[in-house]
Amino acid sequence: MKTLKKYSILGLVLVAVISCKKETKLLDTKNGLAHSWKLTQQGTDVNKNYKFDVEEKNFVADSAKTTLQLKSDYTGYRVGVNSSFVDTLVWELRNNERILYLNITNKGFENKLYYQFEYGTKTLILLDTTVSPGFYRSYDRMD
């Protein structure tokens, strides 16, 4: 009987600890990407190691900092500085959410882009692998 009480008390303690534990919810990829992003750095993957190495990073001048807005309904915009241009886009995740596909349209012209990507709470890094060597664009989250 004492053993049963020990396990019952232990069970109650575990339930209490688990229920008091703060729950964290991770965003899925779609919602993690669905934000406004400002281009801050870019560069070429010169050594072709698929990493955006320090020596490959070039800061983007303020006059060239475009923004990329990805909405949760898979639409969005690419906007030039001072709204010098506005491109509409449709985006989707492909290849088991490892590729970000952008179909950008401006005045009837389409540009279909495929990026390997990584993102965090404050940064989005895109690697265009359709060119060799690959070309990186690094964005900071705006909101």
Protein backbone atom coordinates (compact mmCIF):
# COMPACT_ATOMS: atom_id res chain seq x y z
CA MET A 1 0.00 0.00 0.00
CA LYS A 2 2.87 2.37 0.82
CA THR A 3 4.35 1.72 -2.64
CA LEU A 4 1.03 2.61 -4.26
CA LYS A 5 0.88 5.88 -2.29
CA LYS A 6 4.45 6.73 -3.36
CA TYR A 7 3.56 6.25 -7.03
CA SER A 8 0.31 8.19 -6.62
CA ILE A 9 2.12 11.11 -5.03
CA LEU A 10 4.87 10.94 -7.65
CA GLY A 11 2.20 10.95 -10.37
CA LEU A 12 0.51 14.02 -8.86
CA VAL A 13 3.86 15.83 -8.63
CA LEU A 14 4.59 15.06 -12.29
CA VAL A 15 1.15 16.30 -13.35
CA ALA A 16 1.65 19.49 -11.35
CA VAL A 17 5.10 20.10 -12.86
CA ILE A 18 3.91 19.45 -16.39
CA SER A 19 0.83 21.65 -16.02
CA CYS A 20 2.89 24.51 -14.58
CA LYS A 21 5.48 24.29 -17.33
CA LYS A 22 5.23 27.27 -19.66
CA GLU A 23 4.07 26.12 -23.06
CA THR A 24 5.95 27.42 -26.07
CA LYS A 25 4.45 27.23 -29.51
CA LEU A 26 6.72 27.11 -32.52
CA LEU A 27 5.53 28.73 -35.73
CA ASP A 28 5.19 26.52 -38.74
CA THR A 29 7.29 27.46 -41.75
CA LYS A 30 4.47 29.28 -43.53
CA ASN A 31 3.70 31.53 -40.56
CA GLY A 32 7.38 31.98 -39.79
CA LEU A 33 7.96 33.40 -43.27
CA ALA A 34 4.75 35.44 -43.48
CA HIS A 35 6.17 38.84 -42.50
CA SER A 36 7.78 41.93 -43.96
CA TRP A 37 11.52 41.63 -44.60
CA LYS A 38 14.09 44.30 -45.51
CA LEU A 39 17.14 43.41 -47.62
CA THR A 40 20.30 44.19 -45.65
CA GLN A 41 23.09 42.02 -47.10
CA GLN A 42 23.84 40.03 -50.21
CA GLY A 43 26.74 38.12 -51.64
CA THR A 44 28.01 35.30 -53.78
CA ASP A 45 28.78 31.83 -52.42
CA VAL A 46 32.29 32.02 -53.87
CA ASN A 47 33.59 28.86 -52.18
CA LYS A 48 30.34 26.98 -53.02
CA ASN A 49 29.93 25.59 -49.50
CA TYR A 50 26.24 26.63 -49.22
CA LYS A 51 27.01 28.84 -46.22
CA PHE A 52 26.79 32.62 -46.16
CA ASP A 53 30.34 33.16 -44.88
CA VAL A 54 31.46 36.47 -43.37
CA GLU A 55 33.87 37.18 -46.23
CA GLU A 56 31.02 36.75 -48.75
CA LYS A 57 28.67 39.26 -47.12
CA ASN A 58 28.21 42.70 -48.61
CA PHE A 59 26.01 45.27 -46.93
CA VAL A 60 23.34 46.77 -49.14
CA ALA A 61 23.29 50.55 -49.47
CA ASP A 62 20.15 52.25 -48.14
CA SER A 63 19.30 53.27 -51.70
CA ALA A 64 19.04 49.58 -52.68
CA LYS A 65 17.25 48.11 -49.65
CA THR A 66 14.14 46.54 -51.09
CA THR A 67 11.47 44.99 -48.92
CA LEU A 68 9.81 41.66 -49.34
CA GLN A 69 6.36 41.16 -47.89
CA LEU A 70 5.13 37.59 -47.66
CA LYS A 71 1.51 37.25 -46.57
CA SER A 72 -0.01 34.17 -44.96
CA ASP A 73 -2.37 33.74 -47.95
CA TYR A 74 0.70 33.05 -50.15
CA THR A 75 0.64 36.42 -51.87
CA GLY A 76 2.86 39.42 -51.32
CA TYR A 77 4.96 42.26 -52.69
CA ARG A 78 8.52 43.22 -53.43
CA VAL A 79 8.90 46.97 -53.02
CA GLY A 80 11.76 49.23 -54.06
CA VAL A 81 13.12 52.03 -51.90
CA ASN A 82 10.60 54.88 -51.58
CA SER A 83 8.16 52.66 -53.50
CA SER A 84 10.20 53.17 -56.68
CA PHE A 85 8.63 49.92 -57.90
CA VAL A 86 6.09 47.47 -56.58
CA ASP A 87 6.09 43.89 -57.81
CA THR A 88 3.28 41.52 -56.88
CA LEU A 89 4.15 37.97 -56.04
CA VAL A 90 2.77 34.57 -55.25
CA TRP A 91 4.86 32.31 -53.06
CA GLU A 92 4.81 28.71 -51.97
CA LEU A 93 6.93 26.17 -50.18
CA ARG A 94 8.15 23.24 -52.23
CA ASN A 95 10.23 20.11 -51.85
CA ASN A 96 9.11 19.32 -48.28
CA GLU A 97 9.37 23.01 -47.29
CA ARG A 98 13.04 23.24 -48.26
CA ILE A 99 12.53 25.50 -51.29
CA LEU A 100 10.84 28.91 -51.32
CA TYR A 101 9.32 29.56 -54.74
CA LEU A 102 8.47 33.14 -55.72
CA ASN A 103 6.54 34.03 -58.86
CA ILE A 104 7.09 37.79 -59.16
CA THR A 105 5.02 39.82 -61.63
CA ASN A 106 5.51 43.40 -62.81
CA LYS A 107 3.68 44.92 -65.78
CA GLY A 108 2.95 41.53 -67.30
CA PHE A 109 6.47 40.12 -66.92
CA GLU A 110 7.01 37.10 -64.69
CA ASN A 111 10.14 36.11 -62.84
CA LYS A 112 10.11 32.63 -61.28
CA LEU A 113 12.67 32.25 -58.51
CA TYR A 114 13.62 29.23 -56.41
CA TYR A 115 15.52 29.67 -53.15
CA GLN A 116 16.96 27.44 -50.52
CA PHE A 117 16.28 29.31 -47.32
CA GLU A 118 16.78 29.53 -43.62
CA TYR A 119 15.00 31.84 -41.25
CA GLY A 120 14.82 32.78 -37.64
CA THR A 121 12.75 35.21 -35.62
CA LYS A 122 14.70 38.16 -37.04
CA THR A 123 16.41 37.04 -40.27
CA LEU A 124 15.63 35.38 -43.57
CA ILE A 125 18.46 34.17 -45.78
CA LEU A 126 17.72 33.14 -49.36
CA LEU A 127 20.16 31.26 -51.60
CA ASP A 128 19.54 31.29 -55.33
CA THR A 129 21.01 28.03 -56.57
CA THR A 130 19.87 28.50 -60.18
CA VAL A 131 23.09 30.46 -60.77
CA SER A 132 26.63 29.25 -60.16
CA PRO A 133 28.05 30.17 -57.77
CA GLY A 134 24.88 30.66 -55.72
CA PHE A 135 23.77 34.15 -54.72
CA TYR A 136 22.63 35.07 -51.20
CA ARG A 137 20.17 37.68 -50.04
CA SER A 138 19.81 38.36 -46.32
CA TYR A 139 16.74 40.10 -44.93
CA ASP A 140 15.92 41.48 -41.49
CA ARG A 141 12.37 41.14 -40.19
CA MET A 142 10.59 44.49 -40.04
CA ASP A 143 7.70 43.76 -37.68
